[in-house]
Amino acid sequence: EFLAYTLVTAVVLRVIVVLFMPLRLLTDFAAYDELAMSLATQGEYAFSSLPTAYFPPGWPFFLSLIYRLFGHHPQLGIIANIGFGAATVALTWVLVRRIWGELPARWGAVIVAVIPCELLFTNILGSEGLFTALLLLALVLLLPSQESGDLSFTRTLSGGVVLGLATLTRSLGFFLPIVLIVVYIIRFGASRRTASRWLSCVVGIMIVVVPWIMRNEALLGRATISTNSGVNLYIGNNPNAGVGFNMPDSNVVYLGSASDEAHDDSAGFANGMRYIRKRPMAFLVRGVLKSTFML
């Protein structure tokens, strides 16, 4: 009953956001829309018929399924975000309840249902809603509860597949197994069974992610999930960077050809790391400020 009331509250608040905030297809959101239409109409993940991996394909692929069924109506992606928001509330309750118990789970569900940053993500055509729901579902499958002392091969493999889908939505999901192996060692000890649990998760991720990486190697000349991680690193770490979005003077983003895209991402990574090495305190302080701002 508590969960039902919380879910209704979450949906109502998100509907209010959608009704009173206009949908604007700007920057990344317009790009997601274009990629989804390219997939829906031409079967190609491309900007203006040029193959790309600038964004991971998960969210544009999901949108393309909607566009295939109902036509080009970006508002349907926003309606899907309402569902993803409700799923995030429910999965938060399930996950926290399994690990810490009922009362923390209720607080967690309520916070996710009403916190402004979660609400405001509803009315943007971004990948955050899908990614968060997939990530939480993966954690529900991959993390042991207080009562359960074991995780089956099927469960960890399934969790890995879901985590792979999350990684193809936002590539930072690829780093979760690094944390997961530490959790498994603490919980189960360093043993062959612990290693098998973790490896089955990694296999699940690879099943989903490797074909995409192979596609990018063939078309772009680079084995990667996306070609914007280095660019984003440089955008956030350059002499003009602040807490918000500030493009560096030397713009490394150039979607002129597939080869230039991969090259620019490498250049962005090199420039960003050069700035971090030169100004490590600025990097750390800016990270804290951005995290606080996002709350």
Protein backbone atom coordinates (compact mmCIF):
# COMPACT_ATOMS: atom_id res chain seq x y z
CA GLU A 1 0.00 0.00 0.00
CA PHE A 2 2.82 2.41 0.85
CA LEU A 3 4.56 1.70 -2.44
CA ALA A 4 1.33 2.20 -4.40
CA TYR A 5 0.73 5.63 -2.85
CA THR A 6 4.36 6.62 -3.46
CA LEU A 7 4.18 5.55 -7.10
CA VAL A 8 0.96 7.51 -7.65
CA THR A 9 2.61 10.57 -6.12
CA ALA A 10 5.67 10.12 -8.34
CA VAL A 11 3.57 9.81 -11.50
CA VAL A 12 1.32 12.78 -10.64
CA LEU A 13 4.30 15.06 -9.96
CA ARG A 14 5.97 14.03 -13.20
CA VAL A 15 2.78 14.59 -15.18
CA ILE A 16 2.58 18.10 -13.70
CA VAL A 17 6.15 18.77 -14.84
CA VAL A 18 5.33 17.58 -18.35
CA LEU A 19 2.16 19.69 -18.54
CA PHE A 20 3.73 22.92 -17.36
CA MET A 21 7.24 22.73 -18.82
CA PRO A 22 7.61 22.91 -22.62
CA LEU A 23 9.59 20.23 -24.41
CA ARG A 24 12.63 21.76 -26.10
CA LEU A 25 14.82 19.71 -28.41
CA LEU A 26 18.13 21.46 -27.77
CA THR A 27 21.74 20.26 -28.17
CA ASP A 28 22.02 16.63 -26.99
CA PHE A 29 18.26 16.09 -27.01
CA ALA A 30 17.96 17.18 -30.64
CA ALA A 31 20.84 14.82 -31.46
CA TYR A 32 19.10 11.91 -29.73
CA ASP A 33 15.97 12.68 -31.73
CA GLU A 34 17.91 12.80 -35.01
CA LEU A 35 19.67 9.51 -34.29
CA ALA A 36 16.38 7.86 -33.37
CA MET A 37 14.81 9.01 -36.62
CA SER A 38 17.83 7.77 -38.56
CA LEU A 39 17.42 4.34 -36.97
CA ALA A 40 13.66 4.33 -37.48
CA THR A 41 13.66 5.42 -41.13
CA GLN A 42 17.03 4.27 -42.51
CA GLY A 43 18.20 1.62 -40.08
CA GLU A 44 21.47 3.52 -39.61
CA TYR A 45 22.97 5.04 -36.48
CA ALA A 46 24.16 8.17 -38.23
CA PHE A 47 24.17 11.95 -38.38
CA SER A 48 23.28 13.06 -41.91
CA SER A 49 24.10 9.55 -43.19
CA LEU A 50 27.54 9.64 -41.49
CA PRO A 51 28.07 6.71 -39.07
CA THR A 52 28.61 7.86 -35.52
CA ALA A 53 29.28 6.63 -32.01
CA TYR A 54 29.21 10.08 -30.44
CA PHE A 55 26.36 9.00 -28.15
CA PRO A 56 25.82 5.46 -26.82
CA PRO A 57 22.94 3.93 -28.77
CA GLY A 58 20.59 2.75 -26.01
CA TRP A 59 18.29 5.76 -25.70
CA PRO A 60 18.10 6.62 -29.43
CA PHE A 61 17.37 2.94 -30.13
CA PHE A 62 14.53 2.96 -27.61
CA LEU A 63 13.13 6.16 -29.15
CA SER A 64 13.44 4.65 -32.61
CA LEU A 65 11.14 1.80 -31.57
CA ILE A 66 8.53 4.36 -30.52
CA TYR A 67 8.95 6.30 -33.76
CA ARG A 68 8.58 3.12 -35.82
CA LEU A 69 5.31 2.29 -34.09
CA PHE A 70 3.71 5.72 -33.70
CA GLY A 71 5.59 8.12 -35.97
CA HIS A 72 7.86 11.01 -35.09
CA HIS A 73 6.37 12.21 -31.81
CA PRO A 74 9.13 13.14 -29.31
CA GLN A 75 6.47 13.73 -26.66
CA LEU A 76 6.06 9.95 -26.45
CA GLY A 77 9.63 9.76 -25.19
CA ILE A 78 8.61 12.11 -22.38
CA ILE A 79 5.67 9.87 -21.51
CA ALA A 80 8.12 6.98 -21.37
CA ASN A 81 10.21 9.04 -18.94
CA ILE A 82 7.23 9.17 -16.58
CA GLY A 83 7.22 5.37 -16.59
CA PHE A 84 10.96 5.22 -16.05
CA GLY A 85 10.61 7.64 -13.14
CA ALA A 86 7.99 5.42 -11.51
CA ALA A 87 10.17 2.35 -12.14
CA THR A 88 13.09 4.13 -10.48
CA VAL A 89 10.99 4.75 -7.36
CA ALA A 90 9.88 1.11 -7.20
CA LEU A 91 13.38 -0.26 -7.82
CA THR A 92 14.84 2.06 -5.19
CA TRP A 93 12.36 0.66 -2.68
CA VAL A 94 13.15 -2.95 -3.64
CA LEU A 95 16.93 -2.45 -3.59
CA VAL A 96 17.15 -0.53 -0.32
CA ARG A 97 14.64 -2.84 1.38
CA ARG A 98 16.70 -5.91 0.45
CA ILE A 99 19.91 -4.38 1.79
CA TRP A 100 18.91 -2.15 4.74
CA GLY A 101 15.29 -2.91 5.56
CA GLU A 102 11.81 -1.40 5.31
CA LEU A 103 12.20 2.05 6.90
CA PRO A 104 15.26 3.16 4.84
CA ALA A 105 13.50 1.77 1.76
CA ARG A 106 10.45 3.95 2.39
CA TRP A 107 12.58 7.04 2.86
CA GLY A 108 14.54 6.26 -0.29
CA ALA A 109 11.39 5.77 -2.37
CA VAL A 110 9.83 9.00 -1.12
CA ILE A 111 12.98 11.00 -1.81
CA VAL A 112 13.27 9.68 -5.36
CA ALA A 113 9.55 10.30 -5.92
CA VAL A 114 9.67 14.01 -4.99
CA ILE A 115 13.24 15.29 -5.32
CA PRO A 116 13.30 18.17 -7.85
CA CYS A 117 16.29 16.97 -9.90
CA GLU A 118 14.50 13.69 -10.61
CA LEU A 119 11.27 15.47 -11.51
CA LEU A 120 12.91 17.94 -13.87
CA PHE A 121 14.61 15.18 -15.85
CA THR A 122 11.17 13.96 -16.90
CA ASN A 123 10.58 16.61 -19.56
CA ILE A 124 13.87 16.35 -21.41
CA LEU A 125 14.51 13.90 -24.22
CA GLY A 126 17.59 12.60 -22.45
CA SER A 127 18.92 9.17 -21.56
CA GLU A 128 18.95 9.67 -17.79
CA GLY A 129 15.56 8.08 -17.05
CA LEU A 130 16.22 4.89 -19.00
CA PHE A 131 19.76 4.60 -17.65
CA THR A 132 18.74 5.03 -14.01
CA ALA A 133 15.99 2.42 -14.27
CA LEU A 134 18.31 -0.09 -15.96
CA LEU A 135 21.13 0.56 -13.49
CA LEU A 136 18.86 0.00 -10.48
CA LEU A 137 17.42 -3.17 -12.02
CA ALA A 138 20.97 -4.44 -12.56
CA LEU A 139 21.83 -3.70 -8.92
CA VAL A 140 18.71 -5.51 -7.71
CA LEU A 141 19.90 -8.57 -9.61
CA LEU A 142 23.59 -8.31 -8.76
CA LEU A 143 23.66 -7.31 -5.09
CA PRO A 144 22.96 -9.89 -2.36
CA SER A 145 20.39 -9.14 0.33
CA GLN A 146 20.98 -9.33 4.08
CA GLU A 147 19.18 -12.68 4.27
CA SER A 148 20.41 -14.27 1.04
CA GLY A 149 24.00 -15.43 1.12
CA ASP A 150 24.25 -16.52 -2.47
CA LEU A 151 23.72 -15.33 -6.03
CA SER A 152 23.07 -17.82 -8.81
CA PHE A 153 24.91 -17.90 -12.13
CA THR A 154 21.65 -17.14 -13.96
CA ARG A 155 20.98 -14.12 -11.78
CA THR A 156 24.43 -12.58 -12.12
CA LEU A 157 24.46 -13.29 -15.86
CA SER A 158 21.05 -11.61 -16.22
CA GLY A 159 22.26 -8.69 -14.10
CA GLY A 160 25.25 -8.36 -16.40
CA VAL A 161 23.02 -8.27 -19.48
CA VAL A 162 20.90 -5.51 -17.91
CA LEU A 163 24.05 -3.65 -16.91
CA GLY A 164 25.27 -4.01 -20.49
CA LEU A 165 22.06 -2.35 -21.69
CA ALA A 166 22.63 0.41 -19.14
CA THR A 167 26.20 0.82 -20.41
CA LEU A 168 24.92 1.20 -23.98
CA THR A 169 22.66 3.96 -22.65
CA ARG A 170 25.35 5.83 -20.70
CA SER A 171 28.85 4.44 -20.96
CA LEU A 172 29.78 5.09 -17.30
CA GLY A 173 27.88 1.88 -16.45
CA PHE A 174 30.95 0.05 -17.75
CA PHE A 175 32.83 0.93 -14.55
CA LEU A 176 30.38 -0.66 -12.10
CA PRO A 177 32.05 -4.12 -12.19
CA ILE A 178 35.13 -2.52 -10.61
CA VAL A 179 33.03 -1.69 -7.56
CA LEU A 180 31.11 -4.96 -7.76
CA ILE A 181 34.16 -7.19 -7.36
CA VAL A 182 35.08 -5.34 -4.15
CA VAL A 183 31.53 -5.84 -2.82
CA TYR A 184 31.61 -9.55 -3.66
CA ILE A 185 34.99 -10.07 -1.98
CA ILE A 186 33.79 -8.30 1.18
CA ARG A 187 30.56 -10.29 1.24
CA PHE A 188 31.67 -13.73 0.04
CA GLY A 189 35.45 -13.67 0.53
CA ALA A 190 38.16 -14.16 -2.07
CA SER A 191 37.29 -17.52 -3.61
CA ARG A 192 36.68 -19.23 -6.92
CA ARG A 193 32.92 -18.94 -6.37
CA THR A 194 33.25 -15.19 -5.84
CA ALA A 195 35.24 -14.94 -9.05
CA SER A 196 32.64 -16.99 -10.93
CA ARG A 197 29.83 -14.72 -9.72
CA TRP A 198 31.71 -11.68 -10.93
CA LEU A 199 32.81 -13.22 -14.21
CA SER A 200 29.27 -14.27 -15.08
CA CYS A 201 28.25 -10.63 -14.67
CA VAL A 202 31.10 -9.51 -16.93
CA VAL A 203 30.11 -12.11 -19.53
CA GLY A 204 26.57 -10.72 -19.50
CA ILE A 205 27.88 -7.21 -20.09
CA MET A 206 30.13 -8.36 -22.92
CA ILE A 207 27.28 -10.20 -24.66
CA VAL A 208 25.52 -6.87 -25.06
CA VAL A 209 28.41 -4.43 -25.44
CA VAL A 210 30.98 -6.25 -27.60
CA PRO A 211 28.94 -6.21 -30.86
CA TRP A 212 28.61 -2.44 -30.57
CA ILE A 213 32.34 -2.03 -29.89
CA MET A 214 33.13 -4.20 -32.92
CA ARG A 215 30.82 -2.05 -35.06
CA ASN A 216 32.68 1.09 -33.96
CA GLU A 217 36.06 -0.49 -34.67
CA ALA A 218 34.92 -1.38 -38.18
CA LEU A 219 33.26 1.96 -39.02
CA LEU A 220 35.23 4.47 -36.95
CA GLY A 221 38.57 2.77 -36.53
CA ARG A 222 38.25 2.77 -32.76
CA ALA A 223 37.04 0.09 -30.34
CA THR A 224 34.91 2.20 -28.02
CA ILE A 225 31.39 2.54 -26.64
CA SER A 226 31.14 6.23 -27.49
CA THR A 227 33.33 8.97 -28.90
CA ASN A 228 32.30 11.77 -26.58
CA SER A 229 33.91 10.77 -23.28
CA GLY A 230 37.16 12.53 -24.10
CA VAL A 231 35.31 15.52 -25.49
CA ASN A 232 33.21 15.79 -22.32
CA LEU A 233 36.31 15.46 -20.16
CA TYR A 234 37.83 18.44 -21.95
CA ILE A 235 34.62 20.47 -21.78
CA GLY A 236 34.63 20.02 -18.00
CA ASN A 237 38.36 20.52 -17.58
CA ASN A 238 39.72 23.47 -19.50
CA PRO A 239 40.65 27.08 -18.65
CA ASN A 240 37.09 28.24 -19.44
CA ALA A 241 35.35 25.50 -17.45
CA GLY A 242 33.05 26.38 -14.60
CA VAL A 243 30.27 24.54 -12.83
CA GLY A 244 28.01 24.76 -15.89
CA PHE A 245 28.59 24.03 -19.57
CA ASN A 246 31.50 26.01 -21.01
CA MET A 247 32.94 24.99 -24.35
CA PRO A 248 36.74 25.31 -24.52
CA ASP A 249 38.29 27.83 -26.90
CA SER A 250 39.79 25.03 -29.00
CA ASN A 251 36.62 23.18 -29.94
CA VAL A 252 37.49 19.50 -30.38
CA VAL A 253 33.93 18.52 -31.32
CA TYR A 254 33.74 18.05 -35.07
CA LEU A 255 31.21 15.69 -36.57
CA GLY A 256 32.55 16.03 -40.09
CA SER A 257 33.47 12.39 -40.66
CA ALA A 258 33.74 9.16 -38.74
CA SER A 259 37.53 9.31 -38.55
CA ASP A 260 37.50 12.93 -37.34
CA GLU A 261 35.00 12.01 -34.62
CA ALA A 262 37.30 9.36 -33.14
CA HIS A 263 40.34 11.63 -33.51
CA ASP A 264 38.62 14.55 -31.79
CA ASP A 265 37.62 12.37 -28.85
CA SER A 266 41.23 11.27 -28.39
CA ALA A 267 42.37 14.89 -28.62
CA GLY A 268 39.75 15.92 -26.07
CA PHE A 269 40.90 13.24 -23.63
CA ALA A 270 44.53 14.28 -24.00
CA ASN A 271 43.70 17.97 -23.51
CA GLY A 272 41.45 17.27 -20.52
CA MET A 273 44.03 15.08 -18.78
CA ARG A 274 46.73 17.68 -19.46
CA TYR A 275 44.63 20.32 -17.71
CA ILE A 276 43.84 18.00 -14.76
CA ARG A 277 47.53 17.27 -14.24
CA LYS A 278 48.25 20.98 -14.36
CA ARG A 279 45.36 22.01 -12.07
CA PRO A 280 44.49 19.01 -9.85
CA MET A 281 42.86 21.10 -7.11
CA ALA A 282 40.63 22.86 -9.64
CA PHE A 283 39.55 19.44 -10.87
CA LEU A 284 38.67 18.23 -7.35
CA VAL A 285 36.90 21.43 -6.25
CA ARG A 286 34.92 21.63 -9.50
CA GLY A 287 33.81 18.02 -9.05
CA VAL A 288 32.47 18.74 -5.55
CA LEU A 289 30.69 21.88 -6.73
CA LYS A 290 29.08 20.10 -9.69
CA SER A 291 27.89 17.25 -7.49
CA THR A 292 26.37 19.74 -5.05
CA PHE A 293 24.77 21.70 -7.89
CA MET A 294 23.13 18.56 -9.29
CA LEU A 295 21.40 17.90 -5.97
